């Protein structure tokens, strides 16, 4: 896994978003669903999602007017199963209030 992926997830908000997406069916959600879960503004969530996509943690697909973000199972650097796929995050990780 790329060091950049770990640095990106070093931000608690991004880690909470990543955990939320991993816990979803198909490891994906719309921006609106993420906003509701982490209780942050849409522009803030969009910024974090774009940063996570930039390093290869997430991919996005457009369905009509909605954008769906999905956790990548393949490491963007090594092109094999992502190390994060095997990490078990605490279930209450997303339950706390996140900031920025």
N, C-alpha and C. Protein backbone atom coordinates (compact mmCIF):
# COMPACT_ATOMS: atom_id res chain seq x y z
N UNK A 1 0.83 -1.18 0.00
CA UNK A 1 0.00 0.00 0.00
C UNK A 1 0.87 1.23 0.00
N UNK A 2 0.47 2.19 -0.71
CA UNK A 2 1.20 3.44 -0.82
C UNK A 2 1.21 4.20 0.50
N UNK A 3 2.36 4.82 0.81
CA UNK A 3 2.43 5.67 2.00
C UNK A 3 1.39 6.77 1.93
N UNK A 4 1.10 7.23 0.72
CA UNK A 4 0.13 8.30 0.54
C UNK A 4 -1.25 7.88 1.03
N UNK A 5 -1.59 6.62 0.88
CA UNK A 5 -2.89 6.13 1.36
C UNK A 5 -2.97 6.25 2.88
N UNK A 6 -1.90 5.83 3.56
CA UNK A 6 -1.88 5.93 5.02
C UNK A 6 -1.93 7.38 5.47
N UNK A 7 -1.20 8.25 4.81
CA UNK A 7 -1.23 9.67 5.16
C UNK A 7 -2.63 10.23 4.97
N UNK A 8 -3.27 9.85 3.90
CA UNK A 8 -4.61 10.34 3.62
C UNK A 8 -5.59 9.89 4.71
N UNK A 9 -5.45 8.65 5.16
CA UNK A 9 -6.34 8.15 6.21
C UNK A 9 -5.92 8.59 7.61
N UNK A 10 -4.83 9.33 7.70
CA UNK A 10 -4.40 9.89 8.98
C UNK A 10 -5.31 11.01 9.46
N UNK A 11 -6.17 11.49 8.60
CA UNK A 11 -7.17 12.50 8.95
C UNK A 11 -8.41 11.75 9.44
N UNK A 12 -8.81 12.02 10.67
CA UNK A 12 -9.89 11.23 11.28
C UNK A 12 -11.18 11.24 10.47
N UNK A 13 -11.49 12.35 9.86
CA UNK A 13 -12.70 12.42 9.04
C UNK A 13 -12.62 11.45 7.87
N UNK A 14 -11.47 11.38 7.23
CA UNK A 14 -11.31 10.48 6.09
C UNK A 14 -11.37 9.02 6.54
N UNK A 15 -10.79 8.74 7.67
CA UNK A 15 -10.84 7.38 8.19
C UNK A 15 -12.29 6.99 8.49
N UNK A 16 -13.05 7.90 9.06
CA UNK A 16 -14.47 7.63 9.35
C UNK A 16 -15.25 7.41 8.06
N UNK A 17 -14.97 8.23 7.04
CA UNK A 17 -15.64 8.08 5.75
C UNK A 17 -15.27 6.73 5.13
N UNK A 18 -13.99 6.38 5.17
CA UNK A 18 -13.53 5.11 4.61
C UNK A 18 -14.22 3.93 5.31
N UNK A 19 -14.27 3.97 6.63
CA UNK A 19 -14.92 2.91 7.39
C UNK A 19 -16.40 2.83 7.05
N UNK A 20 -17.05 3.96 6.94
CA UNK A 20 -18.47 3.98 6.58
C UNK A 20 -18.68 3.34 5.22
N UNK A 21 -17.88 3.72 4.24
CA UNK A 21 -18.02 3.15 2.90
C UNK A 21 -17.75 1.65 2.91
N UNK A 22 -16.73 1.21 3.65
CA UNK A 22 -16.42 -0.22 3.73
C UNK A 22 -17.56 -1.02 4.32
N UNK A 23 -18.32 -0.41 5.22
CA UNK A 23 -19.39 -1.12 5.91
C UNK A 23 -20.66 -1.23 5.08
N UNK A 24 -20.72 -0.52 3.97
CA UNK A 24 -21.92 -0.48 3.13
C UNK A 24 -21.95 -1.64 2.13
N UNK A 25 -23.15 -2.00 1.69
CA UNK A 25 -23.22 -2.99 0.61
C UNK A 25 -22.46 -2.46 -0.61
N UNK A 26 -21.67 -3.29 -1.22
CA UNK A 26 -20.83 -2.91 -2.35
C UNK A 26 -19.78 -1.86 -1.99
N UNK A 27 -19.57 -1.59 -0.70
CA UNK A 27 -18.58 -0.63 -0.21
C UNK A 27 -18.71 0.70 -0.92
N UNK A 28 -19.94 1.19 -1.07
CA UNK A 28 -20.15 2.44 -1.78
C UNK A 28 -21.33 3.22 -1.21
N UNK A 29 -21.34 4.53 -1.52
CA UNK A 29 -22.41 5.41 -1.08
C UNK A 29 -22.36 6.70 -1.89
N UNK A 30 -23.47 7.42 -1.86
CA UNK A 30 -23.51 8.73 -2.49
C UNK A 30 -22.92 9.77 -1.53
N UNK A 31 -22.61 10.92 -2.07
CA UNK A 31 -22.09 12.01 -1.24
C UNK A 31 -23.11 12.36 -0.15
N UNK A 32 -24.38 12.40 -0.50
CA UNK A 32 -25.43 12.73 0.46
C UNK A 32 -25.45 11.74 1.61
N UNK A 33 -25.30 10.47 1.32
CA UNK A 33 -25.28 9.45 2.38
C UNK A 33 -24.08 9.63 3.30
N UNK A 34 -22.94 9.98 2.73
CA UNK A 34 -21.75 10.21 3.56
C UNK A 34 -21.95 11.45 4.42
N UNK A 35 -22.50 12.52 3.84
CA UNK A 35 -22.77 13.75 4.60
C UNK A 35 -23.64 13.45 5.81
N UNK A 36 -24.70 12.68 5.61
CA UNK A 36 -25.61 12.34 6.71
C UNK A 36 -24.91 11.53 7.79
N UNK A 37 -23.99 10.68 7.40
CA UNK A 37 -23.32 9.81 8.38
C UNK A 37 -22.29 10.57 9.21
N UNK A 38 -21.49 11.42 8.58
CA UNK A 38 -20.41 12.07 9.31
C UNK A 38 -20.77 13.46 9.82
N UNK A 39 -21.97 13.92 9.50
CA UNK A 39 -22.48 15.20 10.00
C UNK A 39 -21.55 16.37 9.68
N UNK A 40 -21.07 16.42 8.46
CA UNK A 40 -20.27 17.54 7.97
C UNK A 40 -20.96 18.13 6.75
N UNK A 41 -20.54 19.31 6.34
CA UNK A 41 -21.16 19.93 5.18
C UNK A 41 -20.79 19.18 3.90
N UNK A 42 -21.61 19.34 2.89
CA UNK A 42 -21.37 18.67 1.62
C UNK A 42 -20.03 19.10 1.00
N UNK A 43 -19.67 20.40 1.01
CA UNK A 43 -18.37 20.77 0.43
C UNK A 43 -17.19 20.12 1.16
N UNK A 44 -17.28 20.00 2.47
CA UNK A 44 -16.21 19.38 3.25
C UNK A 44 -16.09 17.90 2.92
N UNK A 45 -17.20 17.22 2.87
CA UNK A 45 -17.20 15.79 2.54
C UNK A 45 -16.68 15.58 1.12
N UNK A 46 -17.13 16.40 0.19
CA UNK A 46 -16.67 16.28 -1.20
C UNK A 46 -15.16 16.46 -1.30
N UNK A 47 -14.63 17.41 -0.54
CA UNK A 47 -13.17 17.62 -0.53
C UNK A 47 -12.44 16.35 -0.07
N UNK A 48 -12.90 15.78 1.04
CA UNK A 48 -12.25 14.58 1.57
C UNK A 48 -12.39 13.40 0.61
N UNK A 49 -13.55 13.25 0.00
CA UNK A 49 -13.75 12.16 -0.96
C UNK A 49 -12.81 12.32 -2.16
N UNK A 50 -12.65 13.54 -2.64
CA UNK A 50 -11.76 13.77 -3.78
C UNK A 50 -10.31 13.47 -3.43
N UNK A 51 -9.90 13.81 -2.22
CA UNK A 51 -8.53 13.50 -1.79
C UNK A 51 -8.32 11.98 -1.72
N UNK A 52 -9.32 11.28 -1.22
CA UNK A 52 -9.22 9.83 -1.13
C UNK A 52 -9.23 9.19 -2.52
N UNK A 53 -9.99 9.77 -3.42
CA UNK A 53 -9.99 9.28 -4.80
C UNK A 53 -8.64 9.57 -5.47
N UNK A 54 -8.08 10.73 -5.20
CA UNK A 54 -6.81 11.13 -5.81
C UNK A 54 -5.69 10.13 -5.53
N UNK A 55 -5.65 9.59 -4.30
CA UNK A 55 -4.58 8.64 -3.96
C UNK A 55 -4.95 7.20 -4.30
N UNK A 56 -6.18 6.98 -4.76
CA UNK A 56 -6.57 5.64 -5.20
C UNK A 56 -7.34 4.82 -4.20
N UNK A 57 -7.70 5.40 -3.06
CA UNK A 57 -8.49 4.65 -2.08
C UNK A 57 -9.92 4.42 -2.54
N UNK A 58 -10.44 5.38 -3.29
CA UNK A 58 -11.82 5.32 -3.76
C UNK A 58 -11.88 5.51 -5.26
N UNK A 59 -12.97 5.05 -5.83
CA UNK A 59 -13.29 5.38 -7.21
C UNK A 59 -14.70 5.95 -7.21
N UNK A 60 -15.04 6.64 -8.28
CA UNK A 60 -16.40 7.19 -8.34
C UNK A 60 -17.01 6.90 -9.69
N UNK A 61 -18.32 6.74 -9.65
CA UNK A 61 -19.09 6.56 -10.87
C UNK A 61 -20.29 7.48 -10.80
N UNK A 62 -20.70 7.94 -11.94
CA UNK A 62 -21.83 8.84 -11.99
C UNK A 62 -23.06 8.08 -12.45
N UNK A 63 -24.14 8.23 -11.71
CA UNK A 63 -25.42 7.61 -12.07
C UNK A 63 -26.44 8.74 -12.12
N UNK A 64 -26.68 9.21 -13.33
CA UNK A 64 -27.55 10.37 -13.48
C UNK A 64 -26.89 11.58 -12.86
N UNK A 65 -27.57 12.19 -11.91
CA UNK A 65 -27.01 13.37 -11.24
C UNK A 65 -26.24 13.00 -9.96
N UNK A 66 -26.31 11.74 -9.57
CA UNK A 66 -25.65 11.30 -8.35
C UNK A 66 -24.25 10.78 -8.64
N UNK A 67 -23.35 11.01 -7.69
CA UNK A 67 -22.00 10.45 -7.76
C UNK A 67 -21.89 9.41 -6.67
N UNK A 68 -21.47 8.22 -7.06
CA UNK A 68 -21.34 7.10 -6.13
C UNK A 68 -19.85 6.84 -5.89
N UNK A 69 -19.42 6.90 -4.63
CA UNK A 69 -18.03 6.62 -4.27
C UNK A 69 -17.93 5.20 -3.75
N UNK A 70 -16.90 4.49 -4.22
CA UNK A 70 -16.71 3.09 -3.89
C UNK A 70 -15.28 2.85 -3.42
N UNK A 71 -15.12 2.03 -2.40
CA UNK A 71 -13.79 1.66 -1.90
C UNK A 71 -13.12 0.77 -2.94
N UNK A 72 -11.89 1.10 -3.27
CA UNK A 72 -11.10 0.27 -4.19
C UNK A 72 -10.54 -0.93 -3.44
N UNK A 73 -10.74 -2.11 -3.98
CA UNK A 73 -10.20 -3.33 -3.38
C UNK A 73 -8.77 -3.59 -3.83
N UNK A 74 -8.35 -2.91 -4.88
CA UNK A 74 -7.01 -3.12 -5.44
C UNK A 74 -6.13 -1.93 -5.11
N UNK A 75 -4.93 -2.21 -4.62
CA UNK A 75 -3.97 -1.17 -4.27
C UNK A 75 -3.57 -0.40 -5.53
N UNK A 76 -3.66 0.93 -5.49
CA UNK A 76 -3.32 1.71 -6.67
C UNK A 76 -1.83 1.68 -7.02
N UNK A 77 -1.01 1.35 -6.06
CA UNK A 77 0.44 1.34 -6.30
C UNK A 77 0.94 -0.04 -6.76
N UNK A 78 0.47 -1.09 -6.10
CA UNK A 78 0.99 -2.43 -6.36
C UNK A 78 0.06 -3.30 -7.20
N UNK A 79 -1.13 -2.81 -7.50
CA UNK A 79 -2.09 -3.50 -8.35
C UNK A 79 -2.40 -4.92 -7.88
N UNK A 80 -2.56 -5.05 -6.57
CA UNK A 80 -3.01 -6.30 -5.97
C UNK A 80 -3.93 -5.95 -4.81
N UNK A 81 -4.47 -6.95 -4.15
CA UNK A 81 -5.43 -6.70 -3.07
C UNK A 81 -4.90 -5.67 -2.09
N UNK A 82 -5.73 -4.71 -1.77
CA UNK A 82 -5.36 -3.62 -0.86
C UNK A 82 -5.22 -4.14 0.56
N UNK A 83 -4.18 -3.73 1.24
CA UNK A 83 -3.94 -4.11 2.64
C UNK A 83 -5.12 -3.72 3.52
N UNK A 84 -5.73 -2.59 3.24
CA UNK A 84 -6.84 -2.12 4.06
C UNK A 84 -8.06 -3.04 3.99
N UNK A 85 -8.14 -3.85 2.97
CA UNK A 85 -9.29 -4.75 2.83
C UNK A 85 -9.36 -5.75 3.98
N UNK A 86 -8.23 -6.05 4.61
CA UNK A 86 -8.19 -7.03 5.70
C UNK A 86 -8.25 -6.41 7.09
N UNK A 87 -8.19 -5.09 7.18
CA UNK A 87 -8.22 -4.43 8.49
C UNK A 87 -9.65 -4.37 8.99
N UNK A 88 -9.84 -4.76 10.22
CA UNK A 88 -11.15 -4.69 10.86
C UNK A 88 -11.19 -3.44 11.73
N UNK A 89 -11.97 -2.48 11.33
CA UNK A 89 -12.10 -1.24 12.08
C UNK A 89 -13.14 -1.41 13.18
N UNK A 90 -12.97 -0.68 14.30
CA UNK A 90 -13.99 -0.73 15.35
C UNK A 90 -15.33 -0.24 14.80
N UNK A 91 -16.42 -0.89 15.19
CA UNK A 91 -17.73 -0.51 14.69
C UNK A 91 -18.12 0.90 15.09
N UNK A 92 -17.64 1.39 16.21
CA UNK A 92 -18.03 2.72 16.67
C UNK A 92 -17.12 3.83 16.15
N UNK A 93 -16.23 3.52 15.24
CA UNK A 93 -15.30 4.52 14.72
C UNK A 93 -16.03 5.70 14.12
N UNK A 94 -17.12 5.44 13.41
CA UNK A 94 -17.88 6.51 12.76
C UNK A 94 -18.86 7.18 13.70
N UNK A 95 -19.07 6.62 14.85
CA UNK A 95 -20.10 7.14 15.76
C UNK A 95 -19.71 8.47 16.39
N UNK A 96 -18.41 8.73 16.52
CA UNK A 96 -18.00 9.98 17.15
C UNK A 96 -18.17 11.16 16.20
N UNK A 97 -18.27 12.34 16.74
CA UNK A 97 -18.35 13.54 15.92
C UNK A 97 -17.01 13.79 15.28
N UNK A 98 -17.01 14.03 14.00
CA UNK A 98 -15.77 14.36 13.29
C UNK A 98 -15.67 15.84 13.10
N UNK A 99 -14.46 16.32 12.94
CA UNK A 99 -14.27 17.74 12.67
C UNK A 99 -13.30 17.89 11.52
N UNK A 100 -13.73 18.69 10.53
CA UNK A 100 -12.94 19.07 9.36
C UNK A 100 -12.28 17.98 8.74
